[in-house]
Amino acid sequence: MDKHPPRKGSVHDGEPEKLSRRNFLNTAGAAAAGGLLVVAGGSLISGRDAVAADPAAAPPLPWKYSKLDADEAGKRAYKFYHEKGG
Protein backbone atom coordinates (compact mmCIF):
# COMPACT_ATOMS: atom_id res chain seq x y z
CA MET A 1 0.00 0.00 0.00
CA ASP A 2 1.11 3.53 -0.70
CA LYS A 3 1.72 5.75 2.28
CA HIS A 4 0.67 8.85 0.41
CA PRO A 5 -2.67 9.41 -1.34
CA PRO A 6 -2.53 10.50 -4.99
CA ARG A 7 -2.09 14.23 -5.58
CA LYS A 8 -5.12 16.25 -6.54
CA GLY A 9 -5.26 16.72 -10.32
CA SER A 10 -3.10 13.70 -11.06
CA VAL A 11 -4.00 11.02 -13.54
CA HIS A 12 -4.74 8.59 -10.73
CA ASP A 13 -7.91 10.25 -9.48
CA GLY A 14 -9.61 10.38 -12.90
CA GLU A 15 -9.28 14.15 -13.40
CA PRO A 16 -7.09 15.49 -16.19
CA GLU A 17 -3.92 17.30 -15.16
CA LYS A 18 -4.15 21.08 -15.43
CA LEU A 19 -1.98 22.80 -18.01
CA SER A 20 0.69 24.92 -16.36
CA ARG A 21 2.12 28.09 -17.83
CA ARG A 22 5.45 26.36 -18.41
CA ASN A 23 3.82 23.44 -20.25
CA PHE A 24 1.75 25.84 -22.34
CA LEU A 25 4.82 27.86 -23.37
CA ASN A 26 6.78 24.69 -24.18
CA THR A 27 3.93 23.39 -26.33
CA ALA A 28 3.44 26.74 -28.08
CA GLY A 29 7.16 27.03 -28.78
CA ALA A 30 7.32 23.53 -30.18
CA ALA A 31 4.31 24.22 -32.41
CA ALA A 32 5.84 27.46 -33.70
CA ALA A 33 9.17 25.77 -34.41
CA GLY A 34 7.38 22.93 -36.20
CA GLY A 35 5.41 25.40 -38.31
CA LEU A 36 8.59 27.23 -39.23
CA LEU A 37 10.20 23.97 -40.31
CA VAL A 38 7.19 23.10 -42.46
CA VAL A 39 7.24 26.48 -44.17
CA ALA A 40 11.01 26.45 -44.69
CA GLY A 41 10.95 22.85 -45.86
CA GLY A 42 8.26 23.59 -48.43
CA SER A 43 10.67 25.55 -50.59
CA LEU A 44 13.25 22.75 -50.32
CA ILE A 45 10.75 20.14 -51.45
CA SER A 46 9.33 22.23 -54.30
CA GLY A 47 12.82 23.01 -55.59
CA ARG A 48 12.03 26.69 -56.08
CA ASP A 49 14.11 29.46 -54.59
CA ALA A 50 12.50 32.09 -52.39
CA VAL A 51 12.35 35.36 -54.28
CA ALA A 52 12.23 38.68 -52.45
CA ALA A 53 10.51 41.72 -53.89
CA ASP A 54 12.76 44.36 -55.39
CA PRO A 55 12.83 47.26 -52.90
CA ALA A 56 13.78 49.69 -55.69
CA ALA A 57 10.44 49.01 -57.42
CA ALA A 58 8.41 50.46 -54.54
CA PRO A 59 7.72 54.19 -54.49
CA PRO A 60 9.76 56.16 -51.95
CA LEU A 61 8.39 56.77 -48.48
CA PRO A 62 6.38 58.63 -47.26
CA TRP A 63 3.66 57.71 -49.68
CA LYS A 64 1.30 60.45 -50.79
CA TYR A 65 -2.18 60.32 -49.30
CA SER A 66 -5.03 60.23 -51.77
CA LYS A 67 -8.64 60.41 -50.70
CA LEU A 68 -10.83 57.54 -51.88
CA ASP A 69 -14.39 57.83 -53.06
CA ALA A 70 -16.32 55.56 -50.69
CA ASP A 71 -19.10 54.81 -53.21
CA GLU A 72 -16.64 53.89 -55.98
CA ALA A 73 -14.60 51.71 -53.62
CA GLY A 74 -17.78 49.92 -52.53
CA LYS A 75 -18.85 49.28 -56.13
CA ARG A 76 -15.44 47.90 -57.06
CA ALA A 77 -15.29 45.70 -53.97
CA TYR A 78 -18.74 44.26 -54.72
CA LYS A 79 -17.84 43.68 -58.38
CA PHE A 80 -14.49 41.98 -57.70
CA TYR A 81 -15.90 39.89 -54.86
CA HIS A 82 -18.33 38.21 -57.24
CA GLU A 83 -15.93 38.05 -60.20
CA LYS A 84 -13.19 36.33 -58.19
CA GLY A 85 -15.54 33.85 -56.50
CA GLY A 86 -15.29 35.55 -53.07
PDB file of N, CA and C in Angstrom:
ATOM      1  N   MET A   1       0.836  -1.188   0.000  1.00  0.00           N
ATOM      2  CA  MET A   1       0.000   0.000   0.000  1.00  0.00           C
ATOM      3  C   MET A   1       0.876   1.244   0.000  1.00  0.00           C
ATOM      4  N   ASP A   2       0.406   2.252  -0.686  1.00  0.00           N
ATOM      5  CA  ASP A   2       1.114   3.529  -0.699  1.00  0.00           C
ATOM      6  C   ASP A   2       0.859   4.267   0.600  1.00  0.00           C
ATOM      7  N   LYS A   3       1.874   4.944   1.078  1.00  0.00           N
ATOM      8  CA  LYS A   3       1.721   5.750   2.282  1.00  0.00           C
ATOM      9  C   LYS A   3       1.010   7.056   1.973  1.00  0.00           C
ATOM     10  N   HIS A   4       1.216   7.547   0.765  1.00  0.00           N
ATOM     11  CA  HIS A   4       0.672   8.854   0.414  1.00  0.00           C
ATOM     12  C   HIS A   4      -0.477   8.697  -0.567  1.00  0.00           C
ATOM     13  N   PRO A   5      -1.565   9.449  -0.366  1.00  0.00           N
ATOM     14  CA  PRO A   5      -2.668   9.412  -1.335  1.00  0.00           C
ATOM     15  C   PRO A   5      -2.240  10.128  -2.617  1.00  0.00           C
ATOM     16  N   PRO A   6      -2.886   9.836  -3.747  1.00  0.00           N
ATOM     17  CA  PRO A   6      -2.525  10.504  -4.994  1.00  0.00           C
ATOM     18  C   PRO A   6      -2.768  12.009  -4.894  1.00  0.00           C
ATOM     19  N   ARG A   7      -1.932  12.774  -5.586  1.00  0.00           N
ATOM     20  CA  ARG A   7      -2.085  14.233  -5.578  1.00  0.00           C
ATOM     21  C   ARG A   7      -3.346  14.634  -6.314  1.00  0.00           C
ATOM     22  N   LYS A   8      -3.924  15.733  -5.878  1.00  0.00           N
ATOM     23  CA  LYS A   8      -5.119  16.247  -6.539  1.00  0.00           C
ATOM     24  C   LYS A   8      -4.740  16.706  -7.943  1.00  0.00           C
ATOM     25  N   GLY A   9      -5.532  16.347  -8.945  1.00  0.00           N
ATOM     26  CA  GLY A   9      -5.261  16.720 -10.318  1.00  0.00           C
ATOM     27  C   GLY A   9      -4.358  15.747 -11.043  1.00  0.00           C
ATOM     28  N   SER A  10      -3.968  14.676 -10.394  1.00  0.00           N
ATOM     29  CA  SER A  10      -3.104  13.703 -11.057  1.00  0.00           C
ATOM     30  C   SER A  10      -3.952  12.746 -11.876  1.00  0.00           C
ATOM     31  N   VAL A  11      -3.303  11.963 -12.675  1.00  0.00           N
ATOM     32  CA  VAL A  11      -4.002  11.025 -13.544  1.00  0.00           C
ATOM     33  C   VAL A  11      -4.707   9.941 -12.730  1.00  0.00           C
ATOM     34  N   HIS A  12      -4.219   9.692 -11.526  1.00  0.00           N
ATOM     35  CA  HIS A  12      -4.735   8.587 -10.734  1.00  0.00           C
ATOM     36  C   HIS A  12      -6.145   8.800 -10.215  1.00  0.00           C
ATOM     37  N   ASP A  13      -6.572  10.039 -10.023  1.00  0.00           N
ATOM     38  CA  ASP A  13      -7.910  10.253  -9.481  1.00  0.00           C
ATOM     39  C   ASP A  13      -8.966  10.502 -10.552  1.00  0.00           C
ATOM     40  N   GLY A  14      -8.623  10.295 -11.829  1.00  0.00           N
ATOM     41  CA  GLY A  14      -9.610  10.383 -12.899  1.00  0.00           C
ATOM     42  C   GLY A  14      -9.762  11.776 -13.477  1.00  0.00           C
ATOM     43  N   GLU A  15      -9.173  12.802 -12.868  1.00  0.00           N
ATOM     44  CA  GLU A  15      -9.276  14.155 -13.399  1.00  0.00           C
ATOM     45  C   GLU A  15      -8.054  14.441 -14.276  1.00  0.00           C
ATOM     46  N   PRO A  16      -8.242  15.155 -15.359  1.00  0.00           N
ATOM     47  CA  PRO A  16      -7.085  15.490 -16.194  1.00  0.00           C
ATOM     48  C   PRO A  16      -6.169  16.480 -15.475  1.00  0.00           C
ATOM     49  N   GLU A  17      -4.880  16.397 -15.772  1.00  0.00           N
ATOM     50  CA  GLU A  17      -3.925  17.303 -15.157  1.00  0.00           C
ATOM     51  C   GLU A  17      -4.069  18.685 -15.775  1.00  0.00           C
ATOM     52  N   LYS A  18      -3.995  19.717 -14.930  1.00  0.00           N
ATOM     53  CA  LYS A  18      -4.148  21.083 -15.428  1.00  0.00           C
ATOM     54  C   LYS A  18      -2.897  21.495 -16.184  1.00  0.00           C
ATOM     55  N   LEU A  19      -3.072  22.332 -17.188  1.00  0.00           N
ATOM     56  CA  LEU A  19      -1.979  22.803 -18.010  1.00  0.00           C
ATOM     57  C   LEU A  19      -1.306  23.979 -17.310  1.00  0.00           C
ATOM     58  N   SER A  20      -0.029  23.850 -17.019  1.00  0.00           N
ATOM     59  CA  SER A  20       0.692  24.924 -16.359  1.00  0.00           C
ATOM     60  C   SER A  20       1.186  25.917 -17.400  1.00  0.00           C
ATOM     61  N   ARG A  21       1.598  27.078 -16.937  1.00  0.00           N
ATOM     62  CA  ARG A  21       2.122  28.095 -17.829  1.00  0.00           C
ATOM     63  C   ARG A  21       3.372  27.591 -18.541  1.00  0.00           C
ATOM     64  N   ARG A  22       4.216  26.890 -17.823  1.00  0.00           N
ATOM     65  CA  ARG A  22       5.448  26.363 -18.408  1.00  0.00           C
ATOM     66  C   ARG A  22       5.139  25.340 -19.499  1.00  0.00           C
ATOM     67  N   ASN A  23       4.191  24.436 -19.234  1.00  0.00           N
ATOM     68  CA  ASN A  23       3.822  23.442 -20.251  1.00  0.00           C
ATOM     69  C   ASN A  23       3.193  24.102 -21.468  1.00  0.00           C
ATOM     70  N   PHE A  24       2.382  25.129 -21.231  1.00  0.00           N
ATOM     71  CA  PHE A  24       1.754  25.839 -22.340  1.00  0.00           C
ATOM     72  C   PHE A  24       2.814  26.493 -23.223  1.00  0.00           C
ATOM     73  N   LEU A  25       3.790  27.183 -22.593  1.00  0.00           N
ATOM     74  CA  LEU A  25       4.823  27.858 -23.373  1.00  0.00           C
ATOM     75  C   LEU A  25       5.704  26.859 -24.114  1.00  0.00           C
ATOM     76  N   ASN A  26       5.991  25.731 -23.492  1.00  0.00           N
ATOM     77  CA  ASN A  26       6.775  24.695 -24.178  1.00  0.00           C
ATOM     78  C   ASN A  26       6.023  24.162 -25.395  1.00  0.00           C
ATOM     79  N   THR A  27       4.740  23.906 -25.227  1.00  0.00           N
ATOM     80  CA  THR A  27       3.927  23.389 -26.329  1.00  0.00           C
ATOM     81  C   THR A  27       3.802  24.424 -27.444  1.00  0.00           C
ATOM     82  N   ALA A  28       3.569  25.691 -27.076  1.00  0.00           N
ATOM     83  CA  ALA A  28       3.437  26.742 -28.081  1.00  0.00           C
ATOM     84  C   ALA A  28       4.750  26.942 -28.829  1.00  0.00           C
ATOM     85  N   GLY A  29       5.865  26.884 -28.127  1.00  0.00           N
ATOM     86  CA  GLY A  29       7.163  27.031 -28.781  1.00  0.00           C
ATOM     87  C   GLY A  29       7.451  25.897 -29.735  1.00  0.00           C
ATOM     88  N   ALA A  30       7.109  24.688 -29.317  1.00  0.00           N
ATOM     89  CA  ALA A  30       7.321  23.530 -30.184  1.00  0.00           C
ATOM     90  C   ALA A  30       6.440  23.618 -31.427  1.00  0.00           C
ATOM     91  N   ALA A  31       5.207  24.081 -31.266  1.00  0.00           N
ATOM     92  CA  ALA A  31       4.311  24.218 -32.413  1.00  0.00           C
ATOM     93  C   ALA A  31       4.820  25.287 -33.377  1.00  0.00           C
ATOM     94  N   ALA A  32       5.308  26.398 -32.836  1.00  0.00           N
ATOM     95  CA  ALA A  32       5.843  27.461 -33.696  1.00  0.00           C
ATOM     96  C   ALA A  32       7.079  26.986 -34.439  1.00  0.00           C
ATOM     97  N   ALA A  33       7.961  26.280 -33.759  1.00  0.00           N
ATOM     98  CA  ALA A  33       9.165  25.765 -34.411  1.00  0.00           C
ATOM     99  C   ALA A  33       8.798  24.748 -35.493  1.00  0.00           C
ATOM    100  N   GLY A  34       7.826  23.901 -35.209  1.00  0.00           N
ATOM    101  CA  GLY A  34       7.378  22.928 -36.205  1.00  0.00           C
ATOM    102  C   GLY A  34       6.773  23.606 -37.422  1.00  0.00           C
ATOM    103  N   GLY A  35       5.986  24.652 -37.194  1.00  0.00           N
ATOM    104  CA  GLY A  35       5.409  25.398 -38.308  1.00  0.00           C
ATOM    105  C   GLY A  35       6.464  26.063 -39.161  1.00  0.00           C
ATOM    106  N   LEU A  36       7.492  26.597 -38.497  1.00  0.00           N
ATOM    107  CA  LEU A  36       8.586  27.227 -39.225  1.00  0.00           C
ATOM    108  C   LEU A  36       9.331  26.206 -40.080  1.00  0.00           C
ATOM    109  N   LEU A  37       9.537  25.023 -39.541  1.00  0.00           N
ATOM    110  CA  LEU A  37      10.203  23.972 -40.309  1.00  0.00           C
ATOM    111  C   LEU A  37       9.377  23.547 -41.517  1.00  0.00           C
ATOM    112  N   VAL A  38       8.066  23.481 -41.343  1.00  0.00           N
ATOM    113  CA  VAL A  38       7.194  23.100 -42.458  1.00  0.00           C
ATOM    114  C   VAL A  38       7.254  24.152 -43.557  1.00  0.00           C
ATOM    115  N   VAL A  39       7.196  25.419 -43.175  1.00  0.00           N
ATOM    116  CA  VAL A  39       7.241  26.484 -44.173  1.00  0.00           C
ATOM    117  C   VAL A  39       8.592  26.512 -44.870  1.00  0.00           C
ATOM    118  N   ALA A  40       9.669  26.414 -44.090  1.00  0.00           N
ATOM    119  CA  ALA A  40      11.006  26.448 -44.693  1.00  0.00           C
ATOM    120  C   ALA A  40      11.255  25.206 -45.540  1.00  0.00           C
ATOM    121  N   GLY A  41      10.753  24.079 -45.111  1.00  0.00           N
ATOM    122  CA  GLY A  41      10.949  22.848 -45.857  1.00  0.00           C
ATOM    123  C   GLY A  41      10.150  22.804 -47.138  1.00  0.00           C
ATOM    124  N   GLY A  42       9.081  23.567 -47.223  1.00  0.00           N
ATOM    125  CA  GLY A  42       8.265  23.588 -48.429  1.00  0.00           C
ATOM    126  C   GLY A  42       9.040  24.059 -49.640  1.00  0.00           C
ATOM    127  N   SER A  43       9.886  25.069 -49.451  1.00  0.00           N
ATOM    128  CA  SER A  43      10.665  25.551 -50.592  1.00  0.00           C
ATOM    129  C   SER A  43      11.754  24.541 -50.974  1.00  0.00           C
ATOM    130  N   LEU A  44      12.243  23.775 -50.006  1.00  0.00           N
ATOM    131  CA  LEU A  44      13.245  22.753 -50.323  1.00  0.00           C
ATOM    132  C   LEU A  44      12.632  21.620 -51.127  1.00  0.00           C
ATOM    133  N   ILE A  45      11.422  21.243 -50.765  1.00  0.00           N
ATOM    134  CA  ILE A  45      10.746  20.144 -51.453  1.00  0.00           C
ATOM    135  C   ILE A  45      10.329  20.553 -52.861  1.00  0.00           C
ATOM    136  N   SER A  46       9.813  21.785 -52.996  1.00  0.00           N
ATOM    137  CA  SER A  46       9.332  22.227 -54.303  1.00  0.00           C
ATOM    138  C   SER A  46      10.478  22.513 -55.268  1.00  0.00           C
ATOM    139  N   GLY A  47      11.671  22.760 -54.733  1.00  0.00           N
ATOM    140  CA  GLY A  47      12.817  23.013 -55.588  1.00  0.00           C
ATOM    141  C   GLY A  47      12.907  24.441 -56.081  1.00  0.00           C
ATOM    142  N   ARG A  48      11.998  25.294 -55.655  1.00  0.00           N
ATOM    143  CA  ARG A  48      12.027  26.689 -56.083  1.00  0.00           C
ATOM    144  C   ARG A  48      12.741  27.530 -55.037  1.00  0.00           C
ATOM    145  N   ASP A  49      13.438  28.539 -55.494  1.00  0.00           N
ATOM    146  CA  ASP A  49      14.110  29.460 -54.588  1.00  0.00           C
ATOM    147  C   ASP A  49      13.116  30.518 -54.123  1.00  0.00           C
ATOM    148  N   ALA A  50      13.311  30.989 -52.896  1.00  0.00           N
ATOM    149  CA  ALA A  50      12.504  32.088 -52.393  1.00  0.00           C
ATOM    150  C   ALA A  50      12.968  33.373 -53.070  1.00  0.00           C
ATOM    151  N   VAL A  51      12.019  34.144 -53.566  1.00  0.00           N
ATOM    152  CA  VAL A  51      12.349  35.361 -54.284  1.00  0.00           C
ATOM    153  C   VAL A  51      11.795  36.542 -53.500  1.00  0.00           C
ATOM    154  N   ALA A  52      12.662  37.480 -53.163  1.00  0.00           N
ATOM    155  CA  ALA A  52      12.233  38.677 -52.447  1.00  0.00           C
ATOM    156  C   ALA A  52      11.831  39.745 -53.457  1.00  0.00           C
ATOM    157  N   ALA A  53      10.923  40.623 -53.033  1.00  0.00           N
ATOM    158  CA  ALA A  53      10.510  41.724 -53.892  1.00  0.00           C
ATOM    159  C   ALA A  53      11.641  42.727 -54.018  1.00  0.00           C
ATOM    160  N   ASP A  54      11.717  43.375 -55.155  1.00  0.00           N
ATOM    161  CA  ASP A  54      12.756  44.365 -55.392  1.00  0.00           C
ATOM    162  C   ASP A  54      12.387  45.648 -54.652  1.00  0.00           C
ATOM    163  N   PRO A  55      13.175  46.056 -53.650  1.00  0.00           N
ATOM    164  CA  PRO A  55      12.826  47.260 -52.901  1.00  0.00           C
ATOM    165  C   PRO A  55      12.912  48.530 -53.744  1.00  0.00           C
ATOM    166  N   ALA A  56      13.677  48.509 -54.831  1.00  0.00           N
ATOM    167  CA  ALA A  56      13.778  49.690 -55.686  1.00  0.00           C
ATOM    168  C   ALA A  56      12.502  49.913 -56.490  1.00  0.00           C
ATOM    169  N   ALA A  57      11.665  48.878 -56.637  1.00  0.00           N
ATOM    170  CA  ALA A  57      10.444  49.006 -57.420  1.00  0.00           C
ATOM    171  C   ALA A  57       9.342  49.728 -56.655  1.00  0.00           C
ATOM    172  N   ALA A  58       9.430  49.797 -55.349  1.00  0.00           N
ATOM    173  CA  ALA A  58       8.407  50.460 -54.538  1.00  0.00           C
ATOM    174  C   ALA A  58       8.627  51.970 -54.576  1.00  0.00           C
ATOM    175  N   PRO A  59       7.542  52.742 -54.528  1.00  0.00           N
ATOM    176  CA  PRO A  59       7.720  54.195 -54.495  1.00  0.00           C
ATOM    177  C   PRO A  59       8.365  54.622 -53.179  1.00  0.00           C
ATOM    178  N   PRO A  60       9.074  55.730 -53.175  1.00  0.00           N
ATOM    179  CA  PRO A  60       9.759  56.157 -51.950  1.00  0.00           C
ATOM    180  C   PRO A  60       8.778  56.565 -50.859  1.00  0.00           C
ATOM    181  N   LEU A  61       9.205  56.369 -49.630  1.00  0.00           N
ATOM    182  CA  LEU A  61       8.390  56.768 -48.477  1.00  0.00           C
ATOM    183  C   LEU A  61       8.632  58.231 -48.178  1.00  0.00           C
ATOM    184  N   PRO A  62       7.764  58.963 -47.604  1.00  0.00           N
ATOM    185  CA  PRO A  62       6.380  58.633 -47.255  1.00  0.00           C
ATOM    186  C   PRO A  62       5.486  58.694 -48.495  1.00  0.00           C
ATOM    187  N   TRP A  63       4.557  57.763 -48.546  1.00  0.00           N
ATOM    188  CA  TRP A  63       3.656  57.715 -49.679  1.00  0.00           C
ATOM    189  C   TRP A  63       2.655  58.857 -49.595  1.00  0.00           C
ATOM    190  N   LYS A  64       2.271  59.357 -50.759  1.00  0.00           N
ATOM    191  CA  LYS A  64       1.297  60.447 -50.790  1.00  0.00           C
ATOM    192  C   LYS A  64      -0.089  59.911 -50.435  1.00  0.00           C
ATOM    193  N   TYR A  65      -0.813  60.689 -49.673  1.00  0.00           N
ATOM    194  CA  TYR A  65      -2.175  60.322 -49.301  1.00  0.00           C
ATOM    195  C   TYR A  65      -3.111  60.758 -50.412  1.00  0.00           C
ATOM    196  N   SER A  66      -4.001  59.862 -50.800  1.00  0.00           N
ATOM    197  CA  SER A  66      -5.028  60.233 -51.766  1.00  0.00           C
ATOM    198  C   SER A  66      -6.377  59.778 -51.222  1.00  0.00           C
ATOM    199  N   LYS A  67      -7.315  60.690 -51.242  1.00  0.00           N
ATOM    200  CA  LYS A  67      -8.644  60.408 -50.700  1.00  0.00           C
ATOM    201  C   LYS A  67      -9.388  59.484 -51.653  1.00  0.00           C
ATOM    202  N   LEU A  68     -10.048  58.482 -51.085  1.00  0.00           N
ATOM    203  CA  LEU A  68     -10.825  57.538 -51.881  1.00  0.00           C
ATOM    204  C   LEU A  68     -12.287  57.926 -51.866  1.00  0.00           C
ATOM    205  N   ASP A  69     -12.940  57.643 -52.976  1.00  0.00           N
ATOM    206  CA  ASP A  69     -14.386  57.829 -53.055  1.00  0.00           C
ATOM    207  C   ASP A  69     -15.029  56.564 -52.483  1.00  0.00           C
ATOM    208  N   ALA A  70     -15.757  56.710 -51.390  1.00  0.00           N
ATOM    209  CA  ALA A  70     -16.324  55.557 -50.695  1.00  0.00           C
ATOM    210  C   ALA A  70     -17.314  54.788 -51.573  1.00  0.00           C
ATOM    211  N   ASP A  71     -18.114  55.493 -52.355  1.00  0.00           N
ATOM    212  CA  ASP A  71     -19.095  54.814 -53.211  1.00  0.00           C
ATOM    213  C   ASP A  71     -18.398  54.008 -54.307  1.00  0.00           C
ATOM    214  N   GLU A  72     -17.365  54.597 -54.926  1.00  0.00           N
ATOM    215  CA  GLU A  72     -16.643  53.890 -55.981  1.00  0.00           C
ATOM    216  C   GLU A  72     -15.909  52.680 -55.412  1.00  0.00           C
ATOM    217  N   ALA A  73     -15.302  52.827 -54.249  1.00  0.00           N
ATOM    218  CA  ALA A  73     -14.603  51.707 -53.624  1.00  0.00           C
ATOM    219  C   ALA A  73     -15.578  50.582 -53.292  1.00  0.00           C
ATOM    220  N   GLY A  74     -16.762  50.922 -52.833  1.00  0.00           N
ATOM    221  CA  GLY A  74     -17.781  49.919 -52.528  1.00  0.00           C
ATOM    222  C   GLY A  74     -18.235  49.179 -53.775  1.00  0.00           C
ATOM    223  N   LYS A  75     -18.431  49.906 -54.871  1.00  0.00           N
ATOM    224  CA  LYS A  75     -18.845  49.280 -56.127  1.00  0.00           C
ATOM    225  C   LYS A  75     -17.773  48.312 -56.640  1.00  0.00           C
ATOM    226  N   ARG A  76     -16.513  48.765 -56.594  1.00  0.00           N
ATOM    227  CA  ARG A  76     -15.436  47.904 -57.060  1.00  0.00           C
ATOM    228  C   ARG A  76     -15.289  46.662 -56.191  1.00  0.00           C
ATOM    229  N   ALA A  77     -15.404  46.841 -54.879  1.00  0.00           N
ATOM    230  CA  ALA A  77     -15.286  45.697 -53.975  1.00  0.00           C
ATOM    231  C   ALA A  77     -16.389  44.681 -54.246  1.00  0.00           C
ATOM    232  N   TYR A  78     -17.611  45.160 -54.444  1.00  0.00           N
ATOM    233  CA  TYR A  78     -18.737  44.262 -54.724  1.00  0.00           C
ATOM    234  C   TYR A  78     -18.518  43.519 -56.038  1.00  0.00           C
ATOM    235  N   LYS A  79     -18.062  44.264 -57.056  1.00  0.00           N
ATOM    236  CA  LYS A  79     -17.845  43.680 -58.380  1.00  0.00           C
ATOM    237  C   LYS A  79     -16.759  42.607 -58.330  1.00  0.00           C
ATOM    238  N   PHE A  80     -15.609  42.936 -57.726  1.00  0.00           N
ATOM    239  CA  PHE A  80     -14.487  41.977 -57.697  1.00  0.00           C
ATOM    240  C   PHE A  80     -14.756  40.807 -56.774  1.00  0.00           C
ATOM    241  N   TYR A  81     -15.556  41.011 -55.755  1.00  0.00           N
ATOM    242  CA  TYR A  81     -15.904  39.893 -54.861  1.00  0.00           C
ATOM    243  C   TYR A  81     -16.621  38.810 -55.648  1.00  0.00           C
ATOM    244  N   HIS A  82     -17.568  39.208 -56.467  1.00  0.00           N
ATOM    245  CA  HIS A  82     -18.327  38.206 -57.236  1.00  0.00           C
ATOM    246  C   HIS A  82     -17.540  37.677 -58.433  1.00  0.00           C
ATOM    247  N   GLU A  83     -16.704  38.506 -59.058  1.00  0.00           N
ATOM    248  CA  GLU A  83     -15.933  38.055 -60.203  1.00  0.00           C
ATOM    249  C   GLU A  83     -14.866  37.027 -59.795  1.00  0.00           C
ATOM    250  N   LYS A  84     -14.278  37.204 -58.648  1.00  0.00           N
ATOM    251  CA  LYS A  84     -13.190  36.329 -58.185  1.00  0.00           C
ATOM    252  C   LYS A  84     -13.691  35.147 -57.354  1.00  0.00           C
ATOM    253  N   GLY A  85     -14.995  35.007 -57.217  1.00  0.00           N
ATOM    254  CA  GLY A  85     -15.541  33.855 -56.496  1.00  0.00           C
ATOM    255  C   GLY A  85     -15.452  33.982 -54.986  1.00  0.00           C
ATOM    256  N   GLY A  86     -15.463  35.220 -54.490  1.00  0.00           N
ATOM    257  CA  GLY A  86     -15.290  35.545 -53.074  1.00  0.00           C
ATOM    258  C   GLY A  86     -16.084  34.797 -52.127  1.00  0.00           C
TER     259      GLY A  86
END
